Every structure is written in structure tokens, then in C-alpha cells.
PDB file of N, CA and C in Angstrom:
ATOM      1  N   UNK A   1      11.009 -29.988 -10.962  1.00  0.00           N
ATOM      2  CA  UNK A   1      10.817 -28.564 -11.125  1.00  0.00           C
ATOM      3  C   UNK A   1       9.875 -28.324 -12.298  1.00  0.00           C
ATOM      4  N   UNK A   2       9.009 -27.343 -12.152  1.00  0.00           N
ATOM      5  CA  UNK A   2       8.073 -27.007 -13.217  1.00  0.00           C
ATOM      6  C   UNK A   2       8.823 -26.408 -14.396  1.00  0.00           C
ATOM      7  N   UNK A   3       8.117 -26.234 -15.459  1.00  0.00           N
ATOM      8  CA  UNK A   3       8.730 -25.666 -16.653  1.00  0.00           C
ATOM      9  C   UNK A   3       8.862 -24.160 -16.482  1.00  0.00           C
ATOM     10  N   UNK A   4      10.063 -23.665 -16.197  1.00  0.00           N
ATOM     11  CA  UNK A   4      10.200 -22.227 -15.938  1.00  0.00           C
ATOM     12  C   UNK A   4       9.912 -21.367 -17.159  1.00  0.00           C
ATOM     13  N   UNK A   5      10.164 -21.896 -18.355  1.00  0.00           N
ATOM     14  CA  UNK A   5       9.929 -21.092 -19.553  1.00  0.00           C
ATOM     15  C   UNK A   5       8.442 -20.855 -19.763  1.00  0.00           C
ATOM     16  N   UNK A   6       7.629 -21.799 -19.329  1.00  0.00           N
ATOM     17  CA  UNK A   6       6.186 -21.626 -19.439  1.00  0.00           C
ATOM     18  C   UNK A   6       5.716 -20.482 -18.549  1.00  0.00           C
ATOM     19  N   UNK A   7       6.243 -20.421 -17.314  1.00  0.00           N
ATOM     20  CA  UNK A   7       5.862 -19.339 -16.412  1.00  0.00           C
ATOM     21  C   UNK A   7       6.406 -17.992 -16.866  1.00  0.00           C
ATOM     22  N   UNK A   8       7.595 -17.983 -17.443  1.00  0.00           N
ATOM     23  CA  UNK A   8       8.153 -16.731 -17.950  1.00  0.00           C
ATOM     24  C   UNK A   8       7.291 -16.219 -19.100  1.00  0.00           C
ATOM     25  N   UNK A   9       6.856 -17.093 -19.964  1.00  0.00           N
ATOM     26  CA  UNK A   9       6.000 -16.687 -21.066  1.00  0.00           C
ATOM     27  C   UNK A   9       4.632 -16.237 -20.607  1.00  0.00           C
ATOM     28  N   UNK A  10       4.103 -16.918 -19.594  1.00  0.00           N
ATOM     29  CA  UNK A  10       2.766 -16.597 -19.121  1.00  0.00           C
ATOM     30  C   UNK A  10       2.735 -15.308 -18.312  1.00  0.00           C
ATOM     31  N   UNK A  11       3.724 -15.117 -17.461  1.00  0.00           N
ATOM     32  CA  UNK A  11       3.685 -13.979 -16.545  1.00  0.00           C
ATOM     33  C   UNK A  11       4.705 -12.891 -16.888  1.00  0.00           C
ATOM     34  N   UNK A  12       5.608 -13.156 -17.794  1.00  0.00           N
ATOM     35  CA  UNK A  12       6.610 -12.172 -18.148  1.00  0.00           C
ATOM     36  C   UNK A  12       6.077 -11.068 -19.043  1.00  0.00           C
ATOM     37  N   UNK A  13       4.936 -11.301 -19.642  1.00  0.00           N
ATOM     38  CA  UNK A  13       4.373 -10.313 -20.556  1.00  0.00           C
ATOM     39  C   UNK A  13       3.326  -9.427 -19.890  1.00  0.00           C
ATOM     40  N   UNK A  14       3.237  -9.460 -18.571  1.00  0.00           N
ATOM     41  CA  UNK A  14       2.215  -8.694 -17.858  1.00  0.00           C
ATOM     42  C   UNK A  14       2.418  -7.195 -18.074  1.00  0.00           C
ATOM     43  N   UNK A  15       3.621  -6.717 -18.003  1.00  0.00           N
ATOM     44  CA  UNK A  15       3.886  -5.295 -18.186  1.00  0.00           C
ATOM     45  C   UNK A  15       3.573  -4.827 -19.599  1.00  0.00           C
ATOM     46  N   UNK A  16       3.932  -5.634 -20.579  1.00  0.00           N
ATOM     47  CA  UNK A  16       3.639  -5.289 -21.966  1.00  0.00           C
ATOM     48  C   UNK A  16       2.132  -5.255 -22.183  1.00  0.00           C
ATOM     49  N   UNK A  17       1.438  -6.235 -21.618  1.00  0.00           N
ATOM     50  CA  UNK A  17      -0.020  -6.281 -21.735  1.00  0.00           C
ATOM     51  C   UNK A  17      -0.656  -5.056 -21.089  1.00  0.00           C
ATOM     52  N   UNK A  18      -0.129  -4.637 -19.947  1.00  0.00           N
ATOM     53  CA  UNK A  18      -0.651  -3.464 -19.239  1.00  0.00           C
ATOM     54  C   UNK A  18      -0.515  -2.214 -20.116  1.00  0.00           C
ATOM     55  N   UNK A  19       0.669  -1.996 -20.664  1.00  0.00           N
ATOM     56  CA  UNK A  19       0.921  -0.803 -21.469  1.00  0.00           C
ATOM     57  C   UNK A  19       0.132  -0.839 -22.776  1.00  0.00           C
ATOM     58  N   UNK A  20       0.108  -1.988 -23.443  1.00  0.00           N
ATOM     59  CA  UNK A  20      -0.594  -2.069 -24.719  1.00  0.00           C
ATOM     60  C   UNK A  20      -2.096  -1.869 -24.560  1.00  0.00           C
ATOM     61  N   UNK A  21      -2.667  -2.377 -23.481  1.00  0.00           N
ATOM     62  CA  UNK A  21      -4.097  -2.184 -23.252  1.00  0.00           C
ATOM     63  C   UNK A  21      -4.424  -0.705 -23.121  1.00  0.00           C
ATOM     64  N   UNK A  22      -3.624   0.011 -22.357  1.00  0.00           N
ATOM     65  CA  UNK A  22      -3.859   1.449 -22.175  1.00  0.00           C
ATOM     66  C   UNK A  22      -3.663   2.186 -23.500  1.00  0.00           C
ATOM     67  N   UNK A  23      -2.606   1.863 -24.231  1.00  0.00           N
ATOM     68  CA  UNK A  23      -2.337   2.557 -25.492  1.00  0.00           C
ATOM     69  C   UNK A  23      -3.398   2.268 -26.549  1.00  0.00           C
ATOM     70  N   UNK A  24      -3.842   1.023 -26.643  1.00  0.00           N
ATOM     71  CA  UNK A  24      -4.835   0.674 -27.665  1.00  0.00           C
ATOM     72  C   UNK A  24      -6.163   1.370 -27.393  1.00  0.00           C
ATOM     73  N   UNK A  25      -6.638   1.305 -26.158  1.00  0.00           N
ATOM     74  CA  UNK A  25      -7.911   1.949 -25.854  1.00  0.00           C
ATOM     75  C   UNK A  25      -7.799   3.471 -25.890  1.00  0.00           C
ATOM     76  N   UNK A  26      -6.676   4.006 -25.480  1.00  0.00           N
ATOM     77  CA  UNK A  26      -6.464   5.446 -25.612  1.00  0.00           C
ATOM     78  C   UNK A  26      -6.398   5.871 -27.067  1.00  0.00           C
ATOM     79  N   UNK A  27      -5.737   5.087 -27.892  1.00  0.00           N
ATOM     80  CA  UNK A  27      -5.670   5.376 -29.334  1.00  0.00           C
ATOM     81  C   UNK A  27      -7.026   5.268 -29.996  1.00  0.00           C
ATOM     82  N   UNK A  28      -7.814   4.294 -29.597  1.00  0.00           N
ATOM     83  CA  UNK A  28      -9.170   4.163 -30.127  1.00  0.00           C
ATOM     84  C   UNK A  28     -10.012   5.382 -29.739  1.00  0.00           C
ATOM     85  N   UNK A  29      -9.877   5.820 -28.493  1.00  0.00           N
ATOM     86  CA  UNK A  29     -10.582   7.024 -28.067  1.00  0.00           C
ATOM     87  C   UNK A  29     -10.121   8.255 -28.829  1.00  0.00           C
ATOM     88  N   UNK A  30      -8.835   8.341 -29.103  1.00  0.00           N
ATOM     89  CA  UNK A  30      -8.300   9.470 -29.876  1.00  0.00           C
ATOM     90  C   UNK A  30      -8.836   9.447 -31.303  1.00  0.00           C
ATOM     91  N   UNK A  31      -8.892   8.278 -31.905  1.00  0.00           N
ATOM     92  CA  UNK A  31      -9.427   8.153 -33.256  1.00  0.00           C
ATOM     93  C   UNK A  31     -10.897   8.542 -33.293  1.00  0.00           C
ATOM     94  N   UNK A  32     -11.680   8.013 -32.338  1.00  0.00           N
ATOM     95  CA  UNK A  32     -13.098   8.378 -32.281  1.00  0.00           C
ATOM     96  C   UNK A  32     -13.275   9.873 -32.051  1.00  0.00           C
ATOM     97  N   UNK A  33     -12.414  10.427 -31.221  1.00  0.00           N
ATOM     98  CA  UNK A  33     -12.483  11.853 -30.919  1.00  0.00           C
ATOM     99  C   UNK A  33     -12.220  12.692 -32.174  1.00  0.00           C
ATOM    100  N   UNK A  34     -11.201  12.328 -32.923  1.00  0.00           N
ATOM    101  CA  UNK A  34     -10.847  13.092 -34.125  1.00  0.00           C
ATOM    102  C   UNK A  34     -11.866  12.870 -35.245  1.00  0.00           C
ATOM    103  N   UNK A  35     -12.376  11.671 -35.337  1.00  0.00           N
ATOM    104  CA  UNK A  35     -13.275  11.323 -36.448  1.00  0.00           C
ATOM    105  C   UNK A  35     -14.700  11.841 -36.255  1.00  0.00           C
ATOM    106  N   UNK A  36     -15.224  11.693 -35.039  1.00  0.00           N
ATOM    107  CA  UNK A  36     -16.645  11.965 -34.839  1.00  0.00           C
ATOM    108  C   UNK A  36     -16.936  13.124 -33.885  1.00  0.00           C
ATOM    109  N   UNK A  37     -16.052  13.423 -32.960  1.00  0.00           N
ATOM    110  CA  UNK A  37     -16.392  14.370 -31.905  1.00  0.00           C
ATOM    111  C   UNK A  37     -15.604  15.678 -31.985  1.00  0.00           C
ATOM    112  N   UNK A  38     -15.003  15.954 -33.089  1.00  0.00           N
ATOM    113  CA  UNK A  38     -14.378  17.249 -33.322  1.00  0.00           C
ATOM    114  C   UNK A  38     -13.069  17.497 -32.583  1.00  0.00           C
ATOM    115  N   UNK A  39     -12.448  16.496 -32.046  1.00  0.00           N
ATOM    116  CA  UNK A  39     -11.141  16.658 -31.418  1.00  0.00           C
ATOM    117  C   UNK A  39     -11.144  17.400 -30.103  1.00  0.00           C
ATOM    118  N   UNK A  40     -12.228  17.292 -29.331  1.00  0.00           N
ATOM    119  CA  UNK A  40     -12.302  17.993 -28.051  1.00  0.00           C
ATOM    120  C   UNK A  40     -11.444  17.346 -26.975  1.00  0.00           C
ATOM    121  N   UNK A  41     -11.076  16.094 -27.146  1.00  0.00           N
ATOM    122  CA  UNK A  41     -10.223  15.420 -26.172  1.00  0.00           C
ATOM    123  C   UNK A  41     -10.964  14.509 -25.209  1.00  0.00           C
ATOM    124  N   UNK A  42     -12.290  14.545 -25.253  1.00  0.00           N
ATOM    125  CA  UNK A  42     -13.052  13.699 -24.333  1.00  0.00           C
ATOM    126  C   UNK A  42     -12.930  12.222 -24.695  1.00  0.00           C
ATOM    127  N   UNK A  43     -12.905  11.925 -25.960  1.00  0.00           N
ATOM    128  CA  UNK A  43     -12.759  10.531 -26.385  1.00  0.00           C
ATOM    129  C   UNK A  43     -11.423   9.955 -25.969  1.00  0.00           C
ATOM    130  N   UNK A  44     -10.370  10.748 -26.089  1.00  0.00           N
ATOM    131  CA  UNK A  44      -9.040  10.308 -25.679  1.00  0.00           C
ATOM    132  C   UNK A  44      -8.996  10.067 -24.178  1.00  0.00           C
ATOM    133  N   UNK A  45      -9.585  10.986 -23.411  1.00  0.00           N
ATOM    134  CA  UNK A  45      -9.576  10.845 -21.951  1.00  0.00           C
ATOM    135  C   UNK A  45     -10.370   9.619 -21.514  1.00  0.00           C
ATOM    136  N   UNK A  46     -11.547   9.426 -22.114  1.00  0.00           N
ATOM    137  CA  UNK A  46     -12.365   8.264 -21.753  1.00  0.00           C
ATOM    138  C   UNK A  46     -11.671   6.981 -22.181  1.00  0.00           C
ATOM    139  N   UNK A  47     -11.068   6.960 -23.356  1.00  0.00           N
ATOM    140  CA  UNK A  47     -10.338   5.775 -23.807  1.00  0.00           C
ATOM    141  C   UNK A  47      -9.164   5.447 -22.906  1.00  0.00           C
ATOM    142  N   UNK A  48      -8.445   6.491 -22.481  1.00  0.00           N
ATOM    143  CA  UNK A  48      -7.316   6.278 -21.583  1.00  0.00           C
ATOM    144  C   UNK A  48      -7.781   5.720 -20.245  1.00  0.00           C
ATOM    145  N   UNK A  49      -8.816   6.316 -19.668  1.00  0.00           N
ATOM    146  CA  UNK A  49      -9.309   5.843 -18.364  1.00  0.00           C
ATOM    147  C   UNK A  49      -9.884   4.435 -18.459  1.00  0.00           C
ATOM    148  N   UNK A  50     -10.577   4.156 -19.541  1.00  0.00           N
ATOM    149  CA  UNK A  50     -11.088   2.800 -19.750  1.00  0.00           C
ATOM    150  C   UNK A  50      -9.927   1.818 -19.915  1.00  0.00           C
ATOM    151  N   UNK A  51      -8.883   2.248 -20.624  1.00  0.00           N
ATOM    152  CA  UNK A  51      -7.696   1.402 -20.788  1.00  0.00           C
ATOM    153  C   UNK A  51      -7.014   1.110 -19.464  1.00  0.00           C
ATOM    154  N   UNK A  52      -6.917   2.109 -18.595  1.00  0.00           N
ATOM    155  CA  UNK A  52      -6.315   1.907 -17.277  1.00  0.00           C
ATOM    156  C   UNK A  52      -7.147   0.923 -16.463  1.00  0.00           C
ATOM    157  N   UNK A  53      -8.466   1.079 -16.494  1.00  0.00           N
ATOM    158  CA  UNK A  53      -9.342   0.184 -15.726  1.00  0.00           C
ATOM    159  C   UNK A  53      -9.228  -1.257 -16.220  1.00  0.00           C
ATOM    160  N   UNK A  54      -9.254  -1.444 -17.521  1.00  0.00           N
ATOM    161  CA  UNK A  54      -9.151  -2.794 -18.087  1.00  0.00           C
ATOM    162  C   UNK A  54      -7.774  -3.385 -17.815  1.00  0.00           C
ATOM    163  N   UNK A  55      -6.729  -2.570 -17.932  1.00  0.00           N
ATOM    164  CA  UNK A  55      -5.368  -3.062 -17.706  1.00  0.00           C
ATOM    165  C   UNK A  55      -5.176  -3.518 -16.267  1.00  0.00           C
ATOM    166  N   UNK A  56      -5.685  -2.739 -15.297  1.00  0.00           N
ATOM    167  CA  UNK A  56      -5.522  -3.150 -13.908  1.00  0.00           C
ATOM    168  C   UNK A  56      -6.404  -4.337 -13.558  1.00  0.00           C
ATOM    169  N   UNK A  57      -7.559  -4.458 -14.209  1.00  0.00           N
ATOM    170  CA  UNK A  57      -8.389  -5.651 -14.014  1.00  0.00           C
ATOM    171  C   UNK A  57      -7.632  -6.885 -14.498  1.00  0.00           C
ATOM    172  N   UNK A  58      -7.021  -6.782 -15.671  1.00  0.00           N
ATOM    173  CA  UNK A  58      -6.227  -7.900 -16.186  1.00  0.00           C
ATOM    174  C   UNK A  58      -5.033  -8.195 -15.284  1.00  0.00           C
ATOM    175  N   UNK A  59      -4.410  -7.156 -14.733  1.00  0.00           N
ATOM    176  CA  UNK A  59      -3.281  -7.342 -13.830  1.00  0.00           C
ATOM    177  C   UNK A  59      -3.701  -8.103 -12.570  1.00  0.00           C
ATOM    178  N   UNK A  60      -4.843  -7.742 -12.003  1.00  0.00           N
ATOM    179  CA  UNK A  60      -5.330  -8.429 -10.801  1.00  0.00           C
ATOM    180  C   UNK A  60      -5.704  -9.879 -11.103  1.00  0.00           C
ATOM    181  N   UNK A  61      -6.307 -10.116 -12.251  1.00  0.00           N
ATOM    182  CA  UNK A  61      -6.650 -11.491 -12.631  1.00  0.00           C
ATOM    183  C   UNK A  61      -5.391 -12.327 -12.820  1.00  0.00           C
ATOM    184  N   UNK A  62      -4.367 -11.745 -13.445  1.00  0.00           N
ATOM    185  CA  UNK A  62      -3.114 -12.467 -13.647  1.00  0.00           C
ATOM    186  C   UNK A  62      -2.408 -12.724 -12.324  1.00  0.00           C
ATOM    187  N   UNK A  63      -2.457 -11.771 -11.410  1.00  0.00           N
ATOM    188  CA  UNK A  63      -1.822 -11.959 -10.100  1.00  0.00           C
ATOM    189  C   UNK A  63      -2.516 -13.064  -9.316  1.00  0.00           C
ATOM    190  N   UNK A  64      -3.843 -13.117  -9.364  1.00  0.00           N
ATOM    191  CA  UNK A  64      -4.537 -14.191  -8.643  1.00  0.00           C
ATOM    192  C   UNK A  64      -4.266 -15.545  -9.291  1.00  0.00           C
ATOM    193  N   UNK A  65      -4.168 -15.580 -10.620  1.00  0.00           N
ATOM    194  CA  UNK A  65      -3.825 -16.829 -11.306  1.00  0.00           C
ATOM    195  C   UNK A  65      -2.409 -17.262 -10.939  1.00  0.00           C
ATOM    196  N   UNK A  66      -1.499 -16.300 -10.831  1.00  0.00           N
ATOM    197  CA  UNK A  66      -0.127 -16.607 -10.444  1.00  0.00           C
ATOM    198  C   UNK A  66      -0.081 -17.169  -9.021  1.00  0.00           C
ATOM    199  N   UNK A  67      -0.856 -16.581  -8.115  1.00  0.00           N
ATOM    200  CA  UNK A  67      -0.902 -17.066  -6.734  1.00  0.00           C
ATOM    201  C   UNK A  67      -1.433 -18.495  -6.684  1.00  0.00           C
ATOM    202  N   UNK A  68      -2.482 -18.790  -7.462  1.00  0.00           N
ATOM    203  CA  UNK A  68      -3.012 -20.165  -7.506  1.00  0.00           C
ATOM    204  C   UNK A  68      -1.975 -21.131  -8.044  1.00  0.00           C
ATOM    205  N   UNK A  69      -1.234 -20.721  -9.074  1.00  0.00           N
ATOM    206  CA  UNK A  69      -0.196 -21.596  -9.632  1.00  0.00           C
ATOM    207  C   UNK A  69       0.916 -21.853  -8.623  1.00  0.00           C
ATOM    208  N   UNK A  70       1.295 -20.828  -7.865  1.00  0.00           N
ATOM    209  CA  UNK A  70       2.332 -20.995  -6.845  1.00  0.00           C
ATOM    210  C   UNK A  70       1.856 -21.947  -5.756  1.00  0.00           C
ATOM    211  N   UNK A  71       0.624 -21.769  -5.289  1.00  0.00           N
ATOM    212  CA  UNK A  71       0.092 -22.650  -4.249  1.00  0.00           C
ATOM    213  C   UNK A  71      -0.031 -24.084  -4.752  1.00  0.00           C
ATOM    214  N   UNK A  72      -0.432 -24.258  -5.999  1.00  0.00           N
ATOM    215  CA  UNK A  72      -0.548 -25.602  -6.572  1.00  0.00           C
ATOM    216  C   UNK A  72       0.832 -26.253  -6.687  1.00  0.00           C
ATOM    217  N   UNK A  73       1.839 -25.474  -7.089  1.00  0.00           N
ATOM    218  CA  UNK A  73       3.198 -26.011  -7.214  1.00  0.00           C
ATOM    219  C   UNK A  73       3.769 -26.374  -5.850  1.00  0.00           C
ATOM    220  N   UNK A  74       3.488 -25.556  -4.816  1.00  0.00           N
ATOM    221  CA  UNK A  74       3.976 -25.876  -3.476  1.00  0.00           C
ATOM    222  C   UNK A  74       3.292 -27.112  -2.911  1.00  0.00           C
ATOM    223  N   UNK A  75       2.013 -27.297  -3.212  1.00  0.00           N
ATOM    224  CA  UNK A  75       1.304 -28.483  -2.729  1.00  0.00           C
ATOM    225  C   UNK A  75       1.811 -29.745  -3.420  1.00  0.00           C
ATOM    226  N   UNK A  76       2.179 -29.631  -4.688  1.00  0.00           N
ATOM    227  CA  UNK A  76       2.645 -30.792  -5.438  1.00  0.00           C
ATOM    228  C   UNK A  76       4.089 -31.157  -5.120  1.00  0.00           C
ATOM    229  N   UNK A  77       4.897 -30.193  -4.697  1.00  0.00           N
ATOM    230  CA  UNK A  77       6.310 -30.423  -4.448  1.00  0.00           C
ATOM    231  C   UNK A  77       6.616 -30.174  -2.976  1.00  0.00           C
ATOM    232  N   UNK A  78       6.842 -31.232  -2.180  1.00  0.00           N
ATOM    233  CA  UNK A  78       7.113 -31.011  -0.757  1.00  0.00           C
ATOM    234  C   UNK A  78       8.431 -30.275  -0.503  1.00  0.00           C
ATOM    235  N   UNK A  79       9.356 -30.320  -1.442  1.00  0.00           N
ATOM    236  CA  UNK A  79      10.626 -29.613  -1.265  1.00  0.00           C
ATOM    237  C   UNK A  79      10.475 -28.116  -1.498  1.00  0.00           C
ATOM    238  N   UNK A  80       9.319 -27.693  -1.995  1.00  0.00           N
ATOM    239  CA  UNK A  80       9.117 -26.266  -2.248  1.00  0.00           C
ATOM    240  C   UNK A  80       9.009 -25.481  -0.957  1.00  0.00           C
ATOM    241  N   UNK A  81       8.672 -26.121   0.145  1.00  0.00           N
ATOM    242  CA  UNK A  81       8.553 -25.445   1.433  1.00  0.00           C
ATOM    243  C   UNK A  81       9.848 -25.512   2.225  1.00  0.00           C
ATOM    244  N   UNK A  82      10.960 -25.577   1.553  1.00  0.00           N
ATOM    245  CA  UNK A  82      12.243 -25.727   2.224  1.00  0.00           C
ATOM    246  C   UNK A  82      12.809 -24.413   2.737  1.00  0.00           C
ATOM    247  N   UNK A  83      12.195 -23.299   2.420  1.00  0.00           N
ATOM    248  CA  UNK A  83      12.708 -22.001   2.841  1.00  0.00           C
ATOM    249  C   UNK A  83      12.406 -21.790   4.308  1.00  0.00           C
ATOM    250  N   UNK A  84      13.432 -21.451   5.060  1.00  0.00           N
ATOM    251  CA  UNK A  84      13.272 -21.167   6.479  1.00  0.00           C
ATOM    252  C   UNK A  84      13.938 -19.825   6.787  1.00  0.00           C
ATOM    253  N   UNK A  85      13.602 -19.281   7.916  1.00  0.00           N
ATOM    254  CA  UNK A  85      14.162 -18.009   8.339  1.00  0.00           C
ATOM    255  C   UNK A  85      15.282 -18.278   9.329  1.00  0.00           C
ATOM    256  N   UNK A  86      16.438 -17.680   9.087  1.00  0.00           N
ATOM    257  CA  UNK A  86      17.548 -17.777  10.017  1.00  0.00           C
ATOM    258  C   UNK A  86      17.348 -16.711  11.087  1.00  0.00           C
ATOM    259  N   UNK A  87      16.949 -17.126  12.277  1.00  0.00           N
ATOM    260  CA  UNK A  87      16.615 -16.184  13.329  1.00  0.00           C
ATOM    261  C   UNK A  87      17.807 -15.793  14.192  1.00  0.00           C
ATOM    262  N   UNK A  88      19.011 -16.217  13.847  1.00  0.00           N
ATOM    263  CA  UNK A  88      20.166 -15.896  14.671  1.00  0.00           C
ATOM    264  C   UNK A  88      20.543 -14.422  14.591  1.00  0.00           C
ATOM    265  N   UNK A  89      20.147 -13.745  13.544  1.00  0.00           N
ATOM    266  CA  UNK A  89      20.512 -12.343  13.403  1.00  0.00           C
ATOM    267  C   UNK A  89      19.451 -11.405  13.962  1.00  0.00           C
ATOM    268  N   UNK A  90      18.306 -11.934  14.362  1.00  0.00           N
ATOM    269  CA  UNK A  90      17.244 -11.098  14.907  1.00  0.00           C
ATOM    270  C   UNK A  90      17.571 -10.657  16.320  1.00  0.00           C
ATOM    271  N   UNK A  91      17.051  -9.506  16.719  1.00  0.00           N
ATOM    272  CA  UNK A  91      17.228  -9.035  18.088  1.00  0.00           C
ATOM    273  C   UNK A  91      16.388  -9.880  19.027  1.00  0.00           C
ATOM    274  N   UNK A  92      16.996 -10.302  20.101  1.00  0.00           N
ATOM    275  CA  UNK A  92      16.279 -11.055  21.118  1.00  0.00           C
ATOM    276  C   UNK A  92      15.716 -10.077  22.136  1.00  0.00           C
ATOM    277  N   UNK A  93      14.804 -10.520  22.945  1.00  0.00           N
ATOM    278  CA  UNK A  93      14.206  -9.674  23.991  1.00  0.00           C
ATOM    279  C   UNK A  93      15.281  -9.142  24.935  1.00  0.00           C
ATOM    280  N   UNK A  94      16.237  -9.990  25.302  1.00  0.00           N
ATOM    281  CA  UNK A  94      17.278  -9.551  26.233  1.00  0.00           C
ATOM    282  C   UNK A  94      18.162  -8.475  25.609  1.00  0.00           C
ATOM    283  N   UNK A  95      18.426  -8.564  24.289  1.00  0.00           N
ATOM    284  CA  UNK A  95      19.222  -7.536  23.619  1.00  0.00           C
ATOM    285  C   UNK A  95      18.489  -6.198  23.613  1.00  0.00           C
ATOM    286  N   UNK A  96      17.210  -6.239  23.360  1.00  0.00           N
ATOM    287  CA  UNK A  96      16.415  -5.012  23.322  1.00  0.00           C
ATOM    288  C   UNK A  96      16.352  -4.388  24.714  1.00  0.00           C
ATOM    289  N   UNK A  97      16.167  -5.203  25.756  1.00  0.00           N
ATOM    290  CA  UNK A  97      16.115  -4.687  27.122  1.00  0.00           C
ATOM    291  C   UNK A  97      17.451  -4.067  27.523  1.00  0.00           C
ATOM    292  N   UNK A  98      18.557  -4.698  27.135  1.00  0.00           N
ATOM    293  CA  UNK A  98      19.872  -4.193  27.487  1.00  0.00           C
ATOM    294  C   UNK A  98      20.140  -2.840  26.825  1.00  0.00           C
ATOM    295  N   UNK A  99      19.738  -2.669  25.580  1.00  0.00           N
ATOM    296  CA  UNK A  99      19.926  -1.400  24.893  1.00  0.00           C
ATOM    297  C   UNK A  99      19.042  -0.332  25.519  1.00  0.00           C
ATOM    298  N   UNK A 100      17.827  -0.704  25.903  1.00  0.00           N
ATOM    299  CA  UNK A 100      16.905   0.263  26.498  1.00  0.00           C
ATOM    300  C   UNK A 100      17.384   0.732  27.868  1.00  0.00           C
ATOM    301  N   UNK A 101      18.109  -0.115  28.613  1.00  0.00           N
ATOM    302  CA  UNK A 101      18.579   0.257  29.945  1.00  0.00           C
ATOM    303  C   UNK A 101      19.765   1.210  29.873  1.00  0.00           C
ATOM    304  N   UNK A 102      20.454   1.239  28.781  1.00  0.00           N
ATOM    305  CA  UNK A 102      21.609   2.124  28.651  1.00  0.00           C
ATOM    306  C   UNK A 102      22.894   1.367  28.946  1.00  0.00           C
ATOM    307  N   UNK A 103      24.012   2.082  29.015  1.00  0.00           N
ATOM    308  CA  UNK A 103      25.305   1.418  29.242  1.00  0.00           C
ATOM    309  C   UNK A 103      25.392   0.872  30.672  1.00  0.00           C
ATOM    310  N   UNK A 104      26.294  -0.100  30.832  1.00  0.00           N
ATOM    311  CA  UNK A 104      26.524  -0.667  32.165  1.00  0.00           C
ATOM    312  C   UNK A 104      27.070   0.411  33.085  1.00  0.00           C
ATOM    313  N   UNK A 105      26.656   0.417  34.361  1.00  0.00           N
ATOM    314  CA  UNK A 105      27.136   1.449  35.277  1.00  0.00           C
ATOM    315  C   UNK A 105      28.639   1.379  35.521  1.00  0.00           C
ATOM    316  N   UNK A 106      29.239   0.210  35.476  1.00  0.00           N
ATOM    317  CA  UNK A 106      30.671   0.088  35.727  1.00  0.00           C
ATOM    318  C   UNK A 106      31.511   0.339  34.498  1.00  0.00           C
ATOM    319  N   UNK A 107      30.878   0.546  33.387  1.00  0.00           N
ATOM    320  CA  UNK A 107      31.594   0.727  32.129  1.00  0.00           C
ATOM    321  C   UNK A 107      31.794   2.216  31.881  1.00  0.00           C
ATOM    322  N   UNK A 108      32.961   2.599  31.389  1.00  0.00           N
ATOM    323  CA  UNK A 108      33.318   4.007  31.228  1.00  0.00           C
ATOM    324  C   UNK A 108      32.906   4.568  29.869  1.00  0.00           C
ATOM    325  N   UNK A 109      32.125   3.817  29.099  1.00  0.00           N
ATOM    326  CA  UNK A 109      31.645   4.358  27.823  1.00  0.00           C
ATOM    327  C   UNK A 109      32.641   4.242  26.696  1.00  0.00           C
ATOM    328  N   UNK A 110      33.397   3.173  26.656  1.00  0.00           N
ATOM    329  CA  UNK A 110      34.265   2.940  25.508  1.00  0.00           C
ATOM    330  C   UNK A 110      35.675   3.420  25.681  1.00  0.00           C
ATOM    331  N   UNK A 111      36.051   3.914  26.850  1.00  0.00           N
ATOM    332  CA  UNK A 111      37.442   4.331  27.048  1.00  0.00           C
ATOM    333  C   UNK A 111      38.259   3.105  27.401  1.00  0.00           C
ATOM    334  N   UNK A 112      39.008   2.686  26.502  1.00  0.00           N
ATOM    335  CA  UNK A 112      39.829   1.499  26.745  1.00  0.00           C
ATOM    336  C   UNK A 112      41.191   1.695  26.127  1.00  0.00           C
ATOM    337  N   UNK A 113      41.993   0.651  26.243  1.00  0.00           N
ATOM    338  CA  UNK A 113      43.337   0.759  25.702  1.00  0.00           C
ATOM    339  C   UNK A 113      43.449   0.100  24.329  1.00  0.00           C
ATOM    340  N   UNK A 114      42.323  -0.296  23.725  1.00  0.00           N
ATOM    341  CA  UNK A 114      42.357  -0.808  22.372  1.00  0.00           C
ATOM    342  C   UNK A 114      42.445  -2.305  22.271  1.00  0.00           C
ATOM    343  N   UNK A 115      42.712  -3.003  23.381  1.00  0.00           N
ATOM    344  CA  UNK A 115      42.818  -4.458  23.294  1.00  0.00           C
ATOM    345  C   UNK A 115      41.569  -5.126  23.847  1.00  0.00           C
ATOM    346  N   UNK A 116      40.481  -4.386  24.039  1.00  0.00           N
ATOM    347  CA  UNK A 116      39.236  -4.969  24.490  1.00  0.00           C
ATOM    348  C   UNK A 116      39.055  -4.896  25.995  1.00  0.00           C
ATOM    349  N   UNK A 117      40.122  -4.562  26.739  1.00  0.00           N
ATOM    350  CA  UNK A 117      40.013  -4.443  28.188  1.00  0.00           C
ATOM    351  C   UNK A 117      39.917  -2.973  28.555  1.00  0.00           C
ATOM    352  N   UNK A 118      39.214  -2.670  29.640  1.00  0.00           N
ATOM    353  CA  UNK A 118      39.134  -1.279  30.093  1.00  0.00           C
ATOM    354  C   UNK A 118      40.456  -0.837  30.702  1.00  0.00           C
ATOM    355  N   UNK A 119      40.793   0.424  30.576  1.00  0.00           N
ATOM    356  CA  UNK A 119      42.046   0.951  31.076  1.00  0.00           C
ATOM    357  C   UNK A 119      42.030   1.116  32.581  1.00  0.00           C
TER     358      UNK A 119
END
């Protein structure tokens, strides 16, 4: 098994990185706005939008890096592909056809005596 703490450290900080990027660039825009542009709010808005763009770019880069790491780990470990789907609970074609046809003609629609046999 790979080192899980390494992956937690690498990918667990994605949300913090996203928020801090937006806040830092928005704060820089606010500072520039107050210092040089008279506090009109344009610097804050541009800083915020730039922060959102940079944060989502970093998020996409981290997601693609995570996907590559997952694929590399699955290729290196043959037991990683051990997950299978239990198809016993899925609807079969015959079950779907039976529901679509409606109740059996000889069946009274659930009127029984409670022991599973029709009255």
C-alpha cells in the first residue's frame, strides 16, 4: 500500500489552497484599490476574479495530478483492481418487462389471507 499520509498531505490541502488563493488576491486588490485607486472597488473585484481563476486553475492541475497518481498506483498494484460490481441487485430485462406488463391476469391484486396464498 502506498503511503496514505503523503496523499493526505498532498491532496488534503486543496480546499485551503483554493480559499487562500482567492482571499490573498482579493486582499491585494483591495489594498491596491484603497492605496492607489480611491476605493472605488474595481481593484477588489479584479483581485477577487483573478483569485477565482487562479484557484480553479490550481484545482484542475491538482485533480489531473491526482488522476495520474491513481492510475500509476493501479498499474503498479494488481490488487488495486479488485473492486467489482455486485449485479444481483440490478433489475434484469425480464423484471422490467414483467413490471411494464402489469399484474398477472389471474392475480386479484394482493387480496390474500396473509400466508402468501390467494384466498
